[in-house]
Amino acid sequence: MRNRIGRPRLKRRIYFNPKINYFKPQGVPMSVLEVVELKKEEMEAIRLKNIKNLDQRECAEKMKTSPATLQRILSSAYQKIAVALTEGKAIKIINE
């Protein structure tokens, strides 16, 4: 295992605990689907930004992270969701 350089990753504050953690295209068996993994922090960022309608600064404060980091989290989440929807993949929400 190699040593990490830089400061340790901060624990993000996540208030969202999904009851459902899989989404898949209807009529396609899971055995033939590729899965896109969406982190819980990505779901929380999406929830705060798009459901709670908070601006990025407010989202970042709630998640105890910087606005720049929040933007990276949102960009990653949007890309994963877009890939899953356009390419017919399942989405799994993981606790990482």
N, C-alpha and C. Protein backbone atom coordinates (compact mmCIF):
# COMPACT_ATOMS: atom_id res chain seq x y z
N MET A 1 0.85 -1.18 0.00
CA MET A 1 0.00 0.00 0.00
C MET A 1 0.89 1.24 0.00
N ARG A 2 0.62 2.15 -0.89
CA ARG A 2 1.47 3.34 -0.96
C ARG A 2 0.94 4.45 -0.06
N ASN A 3 1.83 5.33 0.33
CA ASN A 3 1.45 6.45 1.20
C ASN A 3 0.73 7.52 0.40
N ARG A 4 -0.30 8.06 1.00
CA ARG A 4 -1.03 9.15 0.37
C ARG A 4 -0.33 10.46 0.66
N ILE A 5 -0.27 11.31 -0.34
CA ILE A 5 0.32 12.63 -0.16
C ILE A 5 -0.83 13.62 -0.08
N GLY A 6 -0.66 14.63 0.77
CA GLY A 6 -1.70 15.62 0.93
C GLY A 6 -2.50 15.37 2.20
N ARG A 7 -3.48 16.20 2.39
CA ARG A 7 -4.26 16.08 3.62
C ARG A 7 -5.29 14.96 3.51
N PRO A 8 -5.70 14.42 4.64
CA PRO A 8 -6.69 13.34 4.61
C PRO A 8 -8.05 13.83 4.13
N ARG A 9 -8.81 12.94 3.52
CA ARG A 9 -10.14 13.28 3.02
C ARG A 9 -11.08 13.52 4.19
N LEU A 10 -11.81 14.63 4.16
CA LEU A 10 -12.75 14.96 5.22
C LEU A 10 -14.02 14.14 5.07
N LYS A 11 -14.65 13.84 6.19
CA LYS A 11 -15.92 13.12 6.18
C LYS A 11 -17.02 14.11 5.82
N ARG A 12 -17.74 13.81 4.75
CA ARG A 12 -18.83 14.67 4.31
C ARG A 12 -20.07 14.41 5.17
N ARG A 13 -20.83 15.45 5.39
CA ARG A 13 -22.07 15.29 6.15
C ARG A 13 -23.17 14.92 5.16
N ILE A 14 -23.81 13.78 5.41
CA ILE A 14 -24.87 13.28 4.53
C ILE A 14 -26.11 13.03 5.38
N TYR A 15 -27.20 13.71 5.02
CA TYR A 15 -28.46 13.56 5.76
C TYR A 15 -29.41 12.60 5.07
N PHE A 16 -29.12 12.23 3.84
CA PHE A 16 -30.00 11.41 3.03
C PHE A 16 -29.64 9.94 3.17
N ASN A 17 -30.60 9.12 3.52
CA ASN A 17 -30.39 7.69 3.60
C ASN A 17 -31.45 7.02 2.73
N PRO A 18 -31.09 6.65 1.50
CA PRO A 18 -32.10 6.13 0.57
C PRO A 18 -32.67 4.79 1.02
N LYS A 19 -33.98 4.65 0.85
CA LYS A 19 -34.65 3.38 1.14
C LYS A 19 -34.45 2.41 -0.02
N ILE A 20 -34.26 2.95 -1.20
CA ILE A 20 -34.04 2.15 -2.40
C ILE A 20 -32.65 2.48 -2.92
N ASN A 21 -31.86 1.47 -3.23
CA ASN A 21 -30.50 1.76 -3.69
C ASN A 21 -30.19 1.19 -5.07
N TYR A 22 -31.20 0.70 -5.77
CA TYR A 22 -31.03 0.23 -7.15
C TYR A 22 -32.11 0.81 -8.04
N PHE A 23 -31.72 1.24 -9.21
CA PHE A 23 -32.65 1.67 -10.25
C PHE A 23 -32.19 1.00 -11.53
N LYS A 24 -33.14 0.49 -12.30
CA LYS A 24 -32.75 -0.20 -13.53
C LYS A 24 -33.80 0.02 -14.60
N PRO A 25 -33.41 -0.14 -15.86
CA PRO A 25 -34.37 -0.04 -16.94
C PRO A 25 -35.43 -1.14 -16.81
N GLN A 26 -36.67 -0.78 -17.04
CA GLN A 26 -37.77 -1.73 -16.95
C GLN A 26 -37.64 -2.81 -18.02
N GLY A 27 -37.94 -4.03 -17.64
CA GLY A 27 -37.98 -5.13 -18.60
C GLY A 27 -36.63 -5.73 -18.97
N VAL A 28 -35.57 -5.26 -18.33
CA VAL A 28 -34.23 -5.80 -18.62
C VAL A 28 -33.74 -6.50 -17.35
N PRO A 29 -33.40 -7.80 -17.45
CA PRO A 29 -32.92 -8.51 -16.27
C PRO A 29 -31.60 -7.94 -15.76
N MET A 30 -31.45 -7.89 -14.44
CA MET A 30 -30.21 -7.38 -13.83
C MET A 30 -28.99 -8.16 -14.31
N SER A 31 -29.16 -9.42 -14.63
CA SER A 31 -28.03 -10.26 -15.02
C SER A 31 -27.36 -9.79 -16.31
N VAL A 32 -28.07 -9.01 -17.13
CA VAL A 32 -27.47 -8.54 -18.39
C VAL A 32 -27.13 -7.05 -18.36
N LEU A 33 -27.40 -6.40 -17.25
CA LEU A 33 -27.16 -4.95 -17.16
C LEU A 33 -25.78 -4.62 -16.60
N GLU A 34 -25.17 -3.59 -17.15
CA GLU A 34 -24.00 -2.99 -16.50
C GLU A 34 -24.54 -2.07 -15.42
N VAL A 35 -23.74 -1.88 -14.37
CA VAL A 35 -24.16 -1.07 -13.23
C VAL A 35 -23.25 0.14 -13.09
N VAL A 36 -23.86 1.30 -12.90
CA VAL A 36 -23.14 2.53 -12.59
C VAL A 36 -23.29 2.76 -11.09
N GLU A 37 -22.18 2.95 -10.39
CA GLU A 37 -22.23 3.16 -8.94
C GLU A 37 -22.22 4.65 -8.62
N LEU A 38 -23.23 5.06 -7.88
CA LEU A 38 -23.39 6.44 -7.46
C LEU A 38 -23.16 6.49 -5.95
N LYS A 39 -22.19 7.28 -5.52
CA LYS A 39 -21.88 7.37 -4.09
C LYS A 39 -22.99 8.12 -3.36
N LYS A 40 -23.13 7.80 -2.06
CA LYS A 40 -24.14 8.48 -1.24
C LYS A 40 -23.91 9.99 -1.21
N GLU A 41 -22.65 10.40 -1.21
CA GLU A 41 -22.35 11.84 -1.20
C GLU A 41 -22.80 12.50 -2.50
N GLU A 42 -22.74 11.76 -3.60
CA GLU A 42 -23.23 12.29 -4.88
C GLU A 42 -24.75 12.45 -4.85
N MET A 43 -25.43 11.47 -4.26
CA MET A 43 -26.90 11.56 -4.13
C MET A 43 -27.28 12.73 -3.22
N GLU A 44 -26.54 12.91 -2.15
CA GLU A 44 -26.84 14.02 -1.24
C GLU A 44 -26.65 15.36 -1.94
N ALA A 45 -25.59 15.50 -2.71
CA ALA A 45 -25.36 16.75 -3.44
C ALA A 45 -26.49 17.02 -4.43
N ILE A 46 -26.91 15.97 -5.15
CA ILE A 46 -28.03 16.11 -6.10
C ILE A 46 -29.31 16.50 -5.36
N ARG A 47 -29.56 15.86 -4.23
CA ARG A 47 -30.77 16.15 -3.44
C ARG A 47 -30.78 17.61 -2.96
N LEU A 48 -29.67 18.05 -2.40
CA LEU A 48 -29.62 19.42 -1.89
C LEU A 48 -29.75 20.45 -3.02
N LYS A 49 -29.07 20.20 -4.12
CA LYS A 49 -29.06 21.16 -5.23
C LYS A 49 -30.37 21.16 -6.01
N ASN A 50 -30.88 19.98 -6.33
CA ASN A 50 -32.02 19.89 -7.24
C ASN A 50 -33.37 19.69 -6.57
N ILE A 51 -33.41 19.10 -5.40
CA ILE A 51 -34.68 18.89 -4.69
C ILE A 51 -34.91 20.00 -3.67
N LYS A 52 -33.90 20.31 -2.89
CA LYS A 52 -34.01 21.38 -1.89
C LYS A 52 -33.78 22.77 -2.49
N ASN A 53 -33.31 22.81 -3.73
CA ASN A 53 -33.07 24.07 -4.46
C ASN A 53 -32.12 25.02 -3.73
N LEU A 54 -31.08 24.47 -3.10
CA LEU A 54 -30.07 25.30 -2.44
C LEU A 54 -29.03 25.71 -3.46
N ASP A 55 -28.41 26.87 -3.23
CA ASP A 55 -27.31 27.23 -4.13
C ASP A 55 -26.06 26.44 -3.71
N GLN A 56 -25.03 26.49 -4.55
CA GLN A 56 -23.86 25.66 -4.31
C GLN A 56 -23.17 25.96 -2.99
N ARG A 57 -23.14 27.22 -2.61
CA ARG A 57 -22.51 27.59 -1.35
C ARG A 57 -23.25 26.95 -0.18
N GLU A 58 -24.59 27.01 -0.21
CA GLU A 58 -25.39 26.42 0.86
C GLU A 58 -25.24 24.89 0.89
N CYS A 59 -25.21 24.28 -0.28
CA CYS A 59 -25.01 22.82 -0.36
C CYS A 59 -23.67 22.45 0.25
N ALA A 60 -22.64 23.18 -0.12
CA ALA A 60 -21.29 22.90 0.38
C ALA A 60 -21.24 23.04 1.90
N GLU A 61 -21.88 24.08 2.43
CA GLU A 61 -21.90 24.27 3.88
C GLU A 61 -22.61 23.10 4.58
N LYS A 62 -23.74 22.69 4.05
CA LYS A 62 -24.48 21.58 4.65
C LYS A 62 -23.68 20.28 4.62
N MET A 63 -22.92 20.08 3.56
CA MET A 63 -22.13 18.85 3.44
C MET A 63 -20.74 18.97 4.07
N LYS A 64 -20.43 20.13 4.62
CA LYS A 64 -19.13 20.37 5.26
C LYS A 64 -17.98 20.17 4.28
N THR A 65 -18.10 20.80 3.11
CA THR A 65 -17.05 20.72 2.10
C THR A 65 -16.93 22.08 1.42
N SER A 66 -15.97 22.22 0.54
CA SER A 66 -15.79 23.49 -0.17
C SER A 66 -16.71 23.53 -1.39
N PRO A 67 -17.04 24.73 -1.86
CA PRO A 67 -17.85 24.83 -3.08
C PRO A 67 -17.18 24.15 -4.28
N ALA A 68 -15.86 24.23 -4.38
CA ALA A 68 -15.15 23.58 -5.49
C ALA A 68 -15.30 22.07 -5.42
N THR A 69 -15.18 21.50 -4.23
CA THR A 69 -15.36 20.06 -4.07
C THR A 69 -16.79 19.66 -4.36
N LEU A 70 -17.74 20.46 -3.91
CA LEU A 70 -19.14 20.17 -4.20
C LEU A 70 -19.38 20.15 -5.70
N GLN A 71 -18.78 21.08 -6.43
CA GLN A 71 -18.93 21.10 -7.89
C GLN A 71 -18.39 19.82 -8.52
N ARG A 72 -17.25 19.34 -8.02
CA ARG A 72 -16.69 18.08 -8.54
C ARG A 72 -17.62 16.90 -8.24
N ILE A 73 -18.21 16.89 -7.05
CA ILE A 73 -19.14 15.82 -6.67
C ILE A 73 -20.37 15.86 -7.58
N LEU A 74 -20.93 17.05 -7.80
CA LEU A 74 -22.11 17.20 -8.67
C LEU A 74 -21.79 16.80 -10.11
N SER A 75 -20.65 17.23 -10.62
CA SER A 75 -20.27 16.89 -11.99
C SER A 75 -20.15 15.38 -12.17
N SER A 76 -19.55 14.72 -11.20
CA SER A 76 -19.40 13.27 -11.25
C SER A 76 -20.78 12.59 -11.23
N ALA A 77 -21.66 13.06 -10.35
CA ALA A 77 -22.99 12.48 -10.24
C ALA A 77 -23.79 12.67 -11.52
N TYR A 78 -23.78 13.87 -12.07
CA TYR A 78 -24.53 14.15 -13.30
C TYR A 78 -24.03 13.28 -14.45
N GLN A 79 -22.71 13.12 -14.54
CA GLN A 79 -22.15 12.31 -15.62
C GLN A 79 -22.58 10.85 -15.47
N LYS A 80 -22.51 10.30 -14.27
CA LYS A 80 -22.90 8.92 -14.04
C LYS A 80 -24.38 8.69 -14.35
N ILE A 81 -25.23 9.62 -13.92
CA ILE A 81 -26.67 9.50 -14.18
C ILE A 81 -26.94 9.58 -15.68
N ALA A 82 -26.28 10.51 -16.36
CA ALA A 82 -26.47 10.65 -17.81
C ALA A 82 -26.05 9.39 -18.55
N VAL A 83 -24.93 8.81 -18.17
CA VAL A 83 -24.46 7.57 -18.80
C VAL A 83 -25.48 6.45 -18.58
N ALA A 84 -25.95 6.31 -17.35
CA ALA A 84 -26.91 5.25 -17.04
C ALA A 84 -28.20 5.42 -17.85
N LEU A 85 -28.71 6.64 -17.94
CA LEU A 85 -29.96 6.87 -18.66
C LEU A 85 -29.81 6.72 -20.16
N THR A 86 -28.72 7.21 -20.72
CA THR A 86 -28.56 7.16 -22.17
C THR A 86 -28.08 5.81 -22.69
N GLU A 87 -27.38 5.06 -21.84
CA GLU A 87 -26.85 3.77 -22.27
C GLU A 87 -27.59 2.58 -21.68
N GLY A 88 -28.70 2.84 -20.97
CA GLY A 88 -29.52 1.77 -20.43
C GLY A 88 -28.84 0.94 -19.37
N LYS A 89 -28.16 1.60 -18.43
CA LYS A 89 -27.46 0.89 -17.35
C LYS A 89 -28.24 1.05 -16.05
N ALA A 90 -28.00 0.14 -15.12
CA ALA A 90 -28.59 0.23 -13.79
C ALA A 90 -27.78 1.23 -12.96
N ILE A 91 -28.42 1.80 -11.95
CA ILE A 91 -27.74 2.70 -11.01
C ILE A 91 -27.82 2.06 -9.63
N LYS A 92 -26.67 1.94 -8.99
CA LYS A 92 -26.60 1.42 -7.62
C LYS A 92 -26.03 2.52 -6.73
N ILE A 93 -26.75 2.84 -5.67
CA ILE A 93 -26.28 3.83 -4.70
C ILE A 93 -25.45 3.08 -3.65
N ILE A 94 -24.18 3.48 -3.54
CA ILE A 94 -23.29 2.79 -2.62
C ILE A 94 -22.93 3.68 -1.44
N ASN A 95 -22.64 3.06 -0.32
CA ASN A 95 -22.27 3.78 0.89
C ASN A 95 -20.75 3.81 0.97
N GLU A 96 -20.15 4.80 0.32
CA GLU A 96 -18.69 4.89 0.32
C GLU A 96 -18.27 6.19 0.93
